[in-house]
C-alpha atoms as a PDB file:
ATOM      1  CA  MET A   1      74.490 141.057  74.754  1.00  0.00           C
ATOM      2  CA  GLN A   2      72.884 138.158  72.927  1.00  0.00           C
ATOM      3  CA  SER A   3      70.113 138.622  70.370  1.00  0.00           C
ATOM      4  CA  ALA A   4      66.614 138.931  71.796  1.00  0.00           C
ATOM      5  CA  GLY A   5      65.197 136.307  69.454  1.00  0.00           C
ATOM      6  CA  SER A   6      61.520 136.976  68.703  1.00  0.00           C
ATOM      7  CA  ASP A   7      60.581 133.322  69.321  1.00  0.00           C
ATOM      8  CA  GLN A   8      62.579 132.686  72.494  1.00  0.00           C
ATOM      9  CA  LEU A   9      61.074 132.011  75.905  1.00  0.00           C
ATOM     10  CA  THR A  10      59.819 135.179  77.592  1.00  0.00           C
ATOM     11  CA  SER A  11      59.176 135.280  81.334  1.00  0.00           C
ATOM     12  CA  VAL A  12      56.094 137.337  82.230  1.00  0.00           C
ATOM     13  CA  VAL A  13      56.300 138.724  85.771  1.00  0.00           C
ATOM     14  CA  ILE A  14      53.154 139.844  87.616  1.00  0.00           C
ATOM     15  CA  PRO A  15      53.631 141.136  91.191  1.00  0.00           C
ATOM     16  CA  VAL A  16      50.512 140.323  93.216  1.00  0.00           C
ATOM     17  CA  PHE A  17      48.981 141.989  96.262  1.00  0.00           C
ATOM     18  CA  ILE A  18      45.218 141.419  96.401  1.00  0.00           C
ATOM     19  CA  ARG A  19      43.118 143.065  99.114  1.00  0.00           C
ATOM     20  CA  THR A  20      39.614 142.950  97.590  1.00  0.00           C
ATOM     21  CA  GLU A  21      37.473 140.782  95.336  1.00  0.00           C
ATOM     22  CA  GLU A  22      37.493 143.631  92.802  1.00  0.00           C
ATOM     23  CA  GLN A  23      41.284 143.509  92.634  1.00  0.00           C
ATOM     24  CA  LEU A  24      41.072 139.743  92.203  1.00  0.00           C
ATOM     25  CA  GLY A  25      38.952 140.382  89.114  1.00  0.00           C
ATOM     26  CA  TRP A  26      41.538 142.804  87.730  1.00  0.00           C
ATOM     27  CA  LEU A  27      44.274 140.211  88.256  1.00  0.00           C
ATOM     28  CA  ARG A  28      42.205 137.586  86.451  1.00  0.00           C
ATOM     29  CA  GLU A  29      41.883 139.947  83.455  1.00  0.00           C
ATOM     30  CA  ALA A  30      45.608 140.793  83.504  1.00  0.00           C
ATOM     31  CA  VAL A  31      46.551 137.097  83.534  1.00  0.00           C
ATOM     32  CA  ALA A  32      44.132 136.415  80.665  1.00  0.00           C
ATOM     33  CA  SER A  33      45.755 139.180  78.597  1.00  0.00           C
ATOM     34  CA  ALA A  34      49.189 137.615  79.212  1.00  0.00           C
ATOM     35  CA  LEU A  35      48.055 134.090  78.321  1.00  0.00           C
ATOM     36  CA  GLY A  36      46.196 135.350  75.239  1.00  0.00           C
ATOM     37  CA  GLN A  37      49.327 136.632  73.493  1.00  0.00           C
ATOM     38  CA  SER A  38      50.046 135.821  69.846  1.00  0.00           C
ATOM     39  CA  HIS A  39      53.609 135.147  71.063  1.00  0.00           C
ATOM     40  CA  ASP A  40      52.818 132.161  73.254  1.00  0.00           C
ATOM     41  CA  ASN A  41      56.283 130.943  74.244  1.00  0.00           C
ATOM     42  CA  ILE A  42      56.006 132.344  77.756  1.00  0.00           C
ATOM     43  CA  GLN A  43      56.682 131.429  81.358  1.00  0.00           C
ATOM     44  CA  LEU A  44      54.183 133.109  83.690  1.00  0.00           C
ATOM     45  CA  ILE A  45      55.503 134.105  87.128  1.00  0.00           C
ATOM     46  CA  LEU A  46      53.124 135.308  89.851  1.00  0.00           C
ATOM     47  CA  ALA A  47      54.942 136.899  92.788  1.00  0.00           C
ATOM     48  CA  ASP A  48      52.503 137.073  95.717  1.00  0.00           C
ATOM     49  CA  ASP A  49      53.543 139.597  98.372  1.00  0.00           C
ATOM     50  CA  MET A  50      51.393 138.142 101.187  1.00  0.00           C
ATOM     51  CA  SER A  51      48.008 139.013  99.664  1.00  0.00           C
ATOM     52  CA  PRO A  52      45.207 139.136 102.286  1.00  0.00           C
ATOM     53  CA  VAL A  53      42.817 137.656  99.689  1.00  0.00           C
ATOM     54  CA  SER A  54      43.601 134.203  98.271  1.00  0.00           C
ATOM     55  CA  ILE A  55      44.238 133.897  94.527  1.00  0.00           C
ATOM     56  CA  ARG A  56      43.733 130.112  94.539  1.00  0.00           C
ATOM     57  CA  SER A  57      40.779 130.372  92.128  1.00  0.00           C
ATOM     58  CA  ILE A  58      43.118 131.879  89.519  1.00  0.00           C
ATOM     59  CA  LEU A  59      46.016 129.499  90.136  1.00  0.00           C
ATOM     60  CA  CYS A  60      43.874 126.428  89.467  1.00  0.00           C
ATOM     61  CA  ALA A  61      43.393 127.409  85.825  1.00  0.00           C
ATOM     62  CA  LEU A  62      46.996 128.344  84.962  1.00  0.00           C
ATOM     63  CA  PRO A  63      49.420 126.425  82.685  1.00  0.00           C
ATOM     64  CA  LYS A  64      51.652 123.798  84.312  1.00  0.00           C
ATOM     65  CA  ASN A  65      54.848 125.781  83.667  1.00  0.00           C
ATOM     66  CA  THR A  66      53.513 128.721  85.717  1.00  0.00           C
ATOM     67  CA  VAL A  67      55.715 129.726  88.646  1.00  0.00           C
ATOM     68  CA  TYR A  68      53.937 130.922  91.780  1.00  0.00           C
ATOM     69  CA  PHE A  69      55.559 131.941  95.024  1.00  0.00           C
ATOM     70  CA  ARG A  70      54.204 133.631  98.130  1.00  0.00           C
ATOM     71  CA  ASN A  71      56.623 135.654 100.230  1.00  0.00           C
ATOM     72  CA  SER A  72      56.979 134.845 103.921  1.00  0.00           C
ATOM     73  CA  GLN A  73      57.366 138.560 104.589  1.00  0.00           C
ATOM     74  CA  ASN A  74      56.358 141.656 102.640  1.00  0.00           C
ATOM     75  CA  LEU A  75      59.052 142.605 100.111  1.00  0.00           C
ATOM     76  CA  GLY A  76      57.245 145.386  98.254  1.00  0.00           C
ATOM     77  CA  GLN A  77      56.891 145.506  94.472  1.00  0.00           C
ATOM     78  CA  ALA A  78      60.606 146.034  93.836  1.00  0.00           C
ATOM     79  CA  GLY A  79      61.561 143.049  95.985  1.00  0.00           C
ATOM     80  CA  CYS A  80      58.879 140.879  94.374  1.00  0.00           C
ATOM     81  CA  ARG A  81      59.977 141.764  90.853  1.00  0.00           C
ATOM     82  CA  GLN A  82      63.633 141.128  91.637  1.00  0.00           C
ATOM     83  CA  LYS A  83      62.884 137.731  93.184  1.00  0.00           C
ATOM     84  CA  ALA A  84      60.820 136.830  90.104  1.00  0.00           C
ATOM     85  CA  VAL A  85      63.592 137.938  87.729  1.00  0.00           C
ATOM     86  CA  GLU A  86      66.054 135.670  89.526  1.00  0.00           C
ATOM     87  CA  THR A  87      63.539 132.814  89.110  1.00  0.00           C
ATOM     88  CA  ALA A  88      62.902 133.515  85.413  1.00  0.00           C
ATOM     89  CA  ARG A  89      63.987 130.928  82.838  1.00  0.00           C
ATOM     90  CA  GLY A  90      63.445 133.250  79.882  1.00  0.00           C
ATOM     91  CA  GLY A  91      66.195 135.435  78.439  1.00  0.00           C
ATOM     92  CA  ILE A  92      63.638 138.237  78.129  1.00  0.00           C
ATOM     93  CA  VAL A  93      61.532 139.507  81.029  1.00  0.00           C
ATOM     94  CA  ALA A  94      58.211 141.283  80.462  1.00  0.00           C
ATOM     95  CA  PHE A  95      56.529 142.948  83.424  1.00  0.00           C
ATOM     96  CA  LEU A  96      52.766 143.326  83.854  1.00  0.00           C
ATOM     97  CA  ASP A  97      51.057 144.995  86.814  1.00  0.00           C
ATOM     98  CA  GLN A  98      48.080 143.140  88.295  1.00  0.00           C
ATOM     99  CA  ASP A  99      45.531 145.718  87.097  1.00  0.00           C
ATOM    100  CA  ASP A 100      46.872 146.465  83.593  1.00  0.00           C
ATOM    101  CA  LEU A 101      46.134 144.778  80.264  1.00  0.00           C
ATOM    102  CA  TRP A 102      48.185 143.866  77.192  1.00  0.00           C
ATOM    103  CA  GLU A 103      46.892 143.936  73.637  1.00  0.00           C
ATOM    104  CA  PRO A 104      47.064 140.457  72.001  1.00  0.00           C
ATOM    105  CA  ASP A 105      50.139 141.366  69.898  1.00  0.00           C
ATOM    106  CA  TYR A 106      51.974 143.149  72.722  1.00  0.00           C
ATOM    107  CA  LEU A 107      54.802 140.641  73.156  1.00  0.00           C
ATOM    108  CA  ARG A 108      55.185 139.859  69.460  1.00  0.00           C
ATOM    109  CA  GLU A 109      55.572 143.548  68.549  1.00  0.00           C
ATOM    110  CA  GLN A 110      57.831 144.389  71.481  1.00  0.00           C
ATOM    111  CA  LEU A 111      60.137 141.421  70.872  1.00  0.00           C
ATOM    112  CA  ARG A 112      60.270 142.128  67.134  1.00  0.00           C
ATOM    113  CA  TYR A 113      61.257 145.734  67.832  1.00  0.00           C
ATOM    114  CA  MET A 114      63.895 144.612  70.337  1.00  0.00           C
ATOM    115  CA  GLU A 115      65.429 142.031  68.006  1.00  0.00           C
ATOM    116  CA  GLU A 116      65.518 144.280  64.922  1.00  0.00           C
ATOM    117  CA  ARG A 117      67.315 147.056  66.816  1.00  0.00           C
ATOM    118  CA  GLN A 118      69.407 144.912  69.172  1.00  0.00           C
ATOM    119  CA  ALA A 119      68.051 146.787  72.201  1.00  0.00           C
ATOM    120  CA  ASP A 120      68.491 145.789  75.828  1.00  0.00           C
ATOM    121  CA  MET A 121      65.129 147.293  76.782  1.00  0.00           C
ATOM    122  CA  VAL A 122      62.095 148.446  74.802  1.00  0.00           C
ATOM    123  CA  PHE A 123      59.137 150.464  76.075  1.00  0.00           C
ATOM    124  CA  CYS A 124      55.910 151.263  74.234  1.00  0.00           C
ATOM    125  CA  ASP A 125      52.975 153.638  74.673  1.00  0.00           C
ATOM    126  CA  PRO A 126      49.921 153.133  76.913  1.00  0.00           C
ATOM    127  CA  GLU A 127      46.269 153.930  76.585  1.00  0.00           C
ATOM    128  CA  PHE A 128      45.095 155.303  79.920  1.00  0.00           C
ATOM    129  CA  LEU A 129      41.781 153.993  81.263  1.00  0.00           C
ATOM    130  CA  VAL A 130      39.771 155.318  84.211  1.00  0.00           C
ATOM    131  CA  MET A 131      38.468 152.583  86.493  1.00  0.00           C
ATOM    132  CA  ASP A 132      34.846 153.750  86.408  1.00  0.00           C
ATOM    133  CA  GLY A 133      33.205 150.397  85.736  1.00  0.00           C
ATOM    134  CA  ALA A 134      33.420 150.896  81.987  1.00  0.00           C
ATOM    135  CA  ASP A 135      37.201 151.356  81.623  1.00  0.00           C
ATOM    136  CA  SER A 136      36.669 154.721  79.917  1.00  0.00           C
ATOM    137  CA  PRO A 137      39.682 155.839  77.849  1.00  0.00           C
ATOM    138  CA  VAL A 138      41.316 159.091  78.966  1.00  0.00           C
ATOM    139  CA  LEU A 139      44.102 159.768  76.503  1.00  0.00           C
ATOM    140  CA  ARG A 140      46.862 158.309  74.418  1.00  0.00           C
ATOM    141  CA  GLN A 141      50.297 159.840  74.595  1.00  0.00           C
ATOM    142  CA  ASP A 142      51.764 161.094  71.319  1.00  0.00           C
ATOM    143  CA  ARG A 143      55.447 160.305  71.529  1.00  0.00           C
ATOM    144  CA  SER A 144      56.061 159.941  67.809  1.00  0.00           C
ATOM    145  CA  LYS A 145      58.702 162.691  67.898  1.00  0.00           C
ATOM    146  CA  ILE A 146      60.850 161.074  70.586  1.00  0.00           C
ATOM    147  CA  PRO A 147      64.373 160.474  69.208  1.00  0.00           C
ATOM    148  CA  GLU A 148      64.712 156.704  68.922  1.00  0.00           C
ATOM    149  CA  ARG A 149      68.241 156.540  70.295  1.00  0.00           C
ATOM    150  CA  SER A 150      68.115 159.496  72.657  1.00  0.00           C
ATOM    151  CA  SER A 151      69.822 159.229  76.044  1.00  0.00           C
ATOM    152  CA  PHE A 152      67.167 157.919  78.414  1.00  0.00           C
ATOM    153  CA  LEU A 153      67.975 160.602  80.991  1.00  0.00           C
ATOM    154  CA  SER A 154      67.817 163.342  78.347  1.00  0.00           C
ATOM    155  CA  LEU A 155      64.503 161.947  77.092  1.00  0.00           C
ATOM    156  CA  PHE A 156      62.851 162.139  80.494  1.00  0.00           C
ATOM    157  CA  LEU A 157      64.142 165.631  81.134  1.00  0.00           C
ATOM    158  CA  GLN A 158      62.410 166.772  77.932  1.00  0.00           C
ATOM    159  CA  GLY A 159      58.892 166.058  79.186  1.00  0.00           C
ATOM    160  CA  ASN A 160      56.605 164.085  81.472  1.00  0.00           C
ATOM    161  CA  TYR A 161      56.553 160.644  79.901  1.00  0.00           C
ATOM    162  CA  ALA A 162      54.809 157.794  81.669  1.00  0.00           C
ATOM    163  CA  VAL A 163      56.701 154.533  81.278  1.00  0.00           C
ATOM    164  CA  SER A 164      55.064 151.827  83.328  1.00  0.00           C
ATOM    165  CA  PHE A 165      56.646 148.437  83.947  1.00  0.00           C
ATOM    166  CA  SER A 166      53.612 147.055  82.086  1.00  0.00           C
ATOM    167  CA  GLY A 167      54.959 148.573  78.855  1.00  0.00           C
ATOM    168  CA  THR A 168      58.520 147.253  79.055  1.00  0.00           C
ATOM    169  CA  VAL A 169      60.391 144.179  77.892  1.00  0.00           C
ATOM    170  CA  ILE A 170      63.963 143.843  79.141  1.00  0.00           C
ATOM    171  CA  LYS A 171      66.760 141.338  78.675  1.00  0.00           C
ATOM    172  CA  LYS A 172      67.274 139.441  81.912  1.00  0.00           C
ATOM    173  CA  GLN A 173      71.024 139.827  81.546  1.00  0.00           C
ATOM    174  CA  ALA A 174      70.645 143.620  81.329  1.00  0.00           C
ATOM    175  CA  ILE A 175      68.583 143.690  84.540  1.00  0.00           C
ATOM    176  CA  LEU A 176      71.131 141.634  86.442  1.00  0.00           C
ATOM    177  CA  GLU A 177      74.122 143.590  85.129  1.00  0.00           C
ATOM    178  CA  ALA A 178      72.429 146.842  86.192  1.00  0.00           C
ATOM    179  CA  GLY A 179      72.052 145.539  89.732  1.00  0.00           C
ATOM    180  CA  GLY A 180      68.334 144.789  89.496  1.00  0.00           C
ATOM    181  CA  MET A 181      65.488 146.515  91.313  1.00  0.00           C
ATOM    182  CA  ASP A 182      66.361 148.577  94.381  1.00  0.00           C
ATOM    183  CA  ALA A 183      64.079 147.436  97.217  1.00  0.00           C
ATOM    184  CA  ARG A 184      64.750 150.680  99.100  1.00  0.00           C
ATOM    185  CA  TYR A 185      62.304 152.431  96.770  1.00  0.00           C
ATOM    186  CA  THR A 186      58.597 151.923  97.451  1.00  0.00           C
ATOM    187  CA  SER A 187      57.885 153.840  94.240  1.00  0.00           C
ATOM    188  CA  MET A 188      59.923 154.901  91.215  1.00  0.00           C
ATOM    189  CA  ASP A 189      61.972 151.703  91.390  1.00  0.00           C
ATOM    190  CA  ASP A 190      61.059 151.310  87.725  1.00  0.00           C
ATOM    191  CA  PHE A 191      62.661 154.615  86.685  1.00  0.00           C
ATOM    192  CA  ASP A 192      65.753 153.808  88.728  1.00  0.00           C
ATOM    193  CA  LEU A 193      66.124 150.530  86.831  1.00  0.00           C
ATOM    194  CA  TYR A 194      65.523 152.196  83.432  1.00  0.00           C
ATOM    195  CA  LEU A 195      68.205 154.794  84.124  1.00  0.00           C
ATOM    196  CA  LYS A 196      70.699 152.167  85.282  1.00  0.00           C
ATOM    197  CA  ILE A 197      70.125 150.040  82.174  1.00  0.00           C
ATOM    198  CA  SER A 198      70.337 153.057  79.847  1.00  0.00           C
ATOM    199  CA  SER A 199      73.729 153.987  81.296  1.00  0.00           C
ATOM    200  CA  ARG A 200      75.049 150.570  80.235  1.00  0.00           C
ATOM    201  CA  GLY A 201      73.092 149.624  77.129  1.00  0.00           C
ATOM    202  CA  SER A 202      70.394 150.477  74.615  1.00  0.00           C
ATOM    203  CA  VAL A 203      66.910 151.572  75.768  1.00  0.00           C
ATOM    204  CA  LEU A 204      64.530 152.292  72.892  1.00  0.00           C
ATOM    205  CA  HIS A 205      60.987 153.613  72.488  1.00  0.00           C
ATOM    206  CA  ASN A 206      58.576 151.559  70.381  1.00  0.00           C
ATOM    207  CA  PRO A 207      55.985 154.117  69.142  1.00  0.00           C
ATOM    208  CA  GLN A 208      53.024 151.730  69.287  1.00  0.00           C
ATOM    209  CA  THR A 209      50.133 151.769  71.767  1.00  0.00           C
ATOM    210  CA  LEU A 210      50.140 148.172  72.981  1.00  0.00           C
ATOM    211  CA  TYR A 211      48.837 148.132  76.556  1.00  0.00           C
ATOM    212  CA  ARG A 212      46.147 149.646  78.757  1.00  0.00           C
ATOM    213  CA  TYR A 213      47.138 151.383  81.969  1.00  0.00           C
ATOM    214  CA  ARG A 214      44.302 151.566  84.467  1.00  0.00           C
ATOM    215  CA  ILE A 215      43.891 154.634  86.703  1.00  0.00           C
ATOM    216  CA  HIS A 216      41.847 153.975  89.821  1.00  0.00           C
ATOM    217  CA  THR A 217      43.095 156.241  92.636  1.00  0.00           C
ATOM    218  CA  SER A 218      41.156 159.305  93.790  1.00  0.00           C
ATOM    219  CA  ALA A 219      42.075 162.697  92.360  1.00  0.00           C
ATOM    220  CA  ALA A 220      43.363 163.882  95.745  1.00  0.00           C
ATOM    221  CA  ASN A 221      45.542 160.827  96.246  1.00  0.00           C
ATOM    222  CA  ARG A 222      46.901 161.173  92.705  1.00  0.00           C
ATOM    223  CA  ARG A 223      48.006 164.754  93.406  1.00  0.00           C
ATOM    224  CA  VAL A 224      49.844 163.728  96.576  1.00  0.00           C
ATOM    225  CA  ARG A 225      51.431 160.705  94.885  1.00  0.00           C
ATOM    226  CA  LEU A 226      52.385 162.764  91.818  1.00  0.00           C
ATOM    227  CA  PHE A 227      54.306 165.315  93.862  1.00  0.00           C
ATOM    228  CA  SER A 228      55.964 162.695  96.055  1.00  0.00           C
ATOM    229  CA  ASP A 229      57.030 160.654  93.034  1.00  0.00           C
ATOM    230  CA  SER A 230      58.241 163.766  91.208  1.00  0.00           C
ATOM    231  CA  LEU A 231      60.569 164.624  94.082  1.00  0.00           C
ATOM    232  CA  LEU A 232      61.966 161.095  94.160  1.00  0.00           C
ATOM    233  CA  LEU A 233      62.332 161.084  90.385  1.00  0.00           C
ATOM    234  CA  MET A 234      64.288 164.340  90.550  1.00  0.00           C
ATOM    235  CA  ARG A 235      66.650 162.774  93.079  1.00  0.00           C
ATOM    236  CA  LEU A 236      67.199 159.864  90.682  1.00  0.00           C
ATOM    237  CA  TYR A 237      67.869 162.306  87.839  1.00  0.00           C
ATOM    238  CA  LEU A 238      70.437 164.157  89.924  1.00  0.00           C
ATOM    239  CA  ARG A 239      72.196 160.935  90.886  1.00  0.00           C
ATOM    240  CA  HIS A 240      72.457 159.749  87.288  1.00  0.00           C
ATOM    241  CA  PHE A 241      73.262 163.283  86.084  1.00  0.00           C
ATOM    242  CA  ALA A 242      76.334 163.194  88.334  1.00  0.00           C
ATOM    243  CA  GLU A 243      77.494 160.040  86.523  1.00  0.00           C
ATOM    244  CA  ALA A 244      76.952 161.457  82.994  1.00  0.00           C
ATOM    245  CA  GLY A 245      79.746 162.644  80.713  1.00  0.00           C
ATOM    246  CA  ALA A 246      80.676 166.334  80.429  1.00  0.00           C
ATOM    247  CA  GLY A 247      78.996 166.806  77.049  1.00  0.00           C
ATOM    248  CA  GLU A 248      75.750 165.211  78.170  1.00  0.00           C
ATOM    249  CA  LYS A 249      75.731 167.235  81.391  1.00  0.00           C
ATOM    250  CA  LYS A 250      76.011 170.484  79.438  1.00  0.00           C
ATOM    251  CA  ALA A 251      73.076 169.528  77.215  1.00  0.00           C
ATOM    252  CA  MET A 252      70.877 168.386  80.105  1.00  0.00           C
ATOM    253  CA  LEU A 253      71.571 171.128  82.652  1.00  0.00           C
ATOM    254  CA  PRO A 254      69.040 173.735  81.365  1.00  0.00           C
ATOM    255  CA  ARG A 255      66.211 171.172  81.385  1.00  0.00           C
ATOM    256  CA  LEU A 256      67.223 169.945  84.831  1.00  0.00           C
ATOM    257  CA  VAL A 257      67.075 173.493  86.217  1.00  0.00           C
ATOM    258  CA  LYS A 258      63.688 174.059  84.560  1.00  0.00           C
ATOM    259  CA  LYS A 259      62.206 170.914  86.106  1.00  0.00           C
ATOM    260  CA  THR A 260      63.591 171.786  89.538  1.00  0.00           C
ATOM    261  CA  LEU A 261      61.956 175.228  89.386  1.00  0.00           C
ATOM    262  CA  ALA A 262      58.668 173.679  88.202  1.00  0.00           C
ATOM    263  CA  LEU A 263      58.600 171.349  91.212  1.00  0.00           C
ATOM    264  CA  ALA A 264      59.309 174.239  93.578  1.00  0.00           C
ATOM    265  CA  TYR A 265      56.477 176.262  92.002  1.00  0.00           C
ATOM    266  CA  TYR A 266      54.078 173.313  92.297  1.00  0.00           C
ATOM    267  CA  LYS A 267      54.871 172.945  95.988  1.00  0.00           C
ATOM    268  CA  LEU A 268      54.295 176.661  96.659  1.00  0.00           C
ATOM    269  CA  CYS A 269      50.952 176.655  94.819  1.00  0.00           C
ATOM    270  CA  ASN A 270      49.663 173.546  96.601  1.00  0.00           C
ATOM    271  CA  LYS A 271      50.470 174.322 100.233  1.00  0.00           C
END
């Protein structure tokens, strides 16, 4: 893999699906956080998945090198991201969800970390915000004890770590060599990609809090989504576990069994 190069062109991919004026406001803020980066050598790509609400008011104010496309049919987030990656001119791809926010030094710090350690993918920590009109902070995850070069599958079997696309920068070549995003998944396509990249290259954790992840679903919907996603995530674990080496399987098996039992217990308690 070639060096990341902290000053090279970075393609910023934002999948877009706007249904309300409120969501349009969130997108405007997300775009502003991308354009306000201290690392300003970027190509902005907006992938519109047939939004019911027009984003024309935002497009009018964007730089000339911005790429915008609107799908003729709904592709879902995975399909949108993959189409944008194939369009990207940058050797590095940074993903940002339409309702999340980057700190001003997000790209500079992520790219520096990637270049210094020759990583194929770097992920950092989020600050979680509740969408209550004031963006109230909920918590920051303490992941300072995560082994820097731990197997990505082993890392995720150790605990419940939230790694959003909004906190990742990935070499375009690594995405393509891993087969890209799997459009069959309507959720957890991010974890599937992370696991595929980690099986081929270097995926490292940057222990800095550099982006804000907004939480805006109801508590009931979050519980349903959490369980559904956990089941899908376990299936992904099992698939990649089957491809792991004998030594890694032996180390991961106890944690895999523990997580399987925890999911079964959760289902029984929430019938």
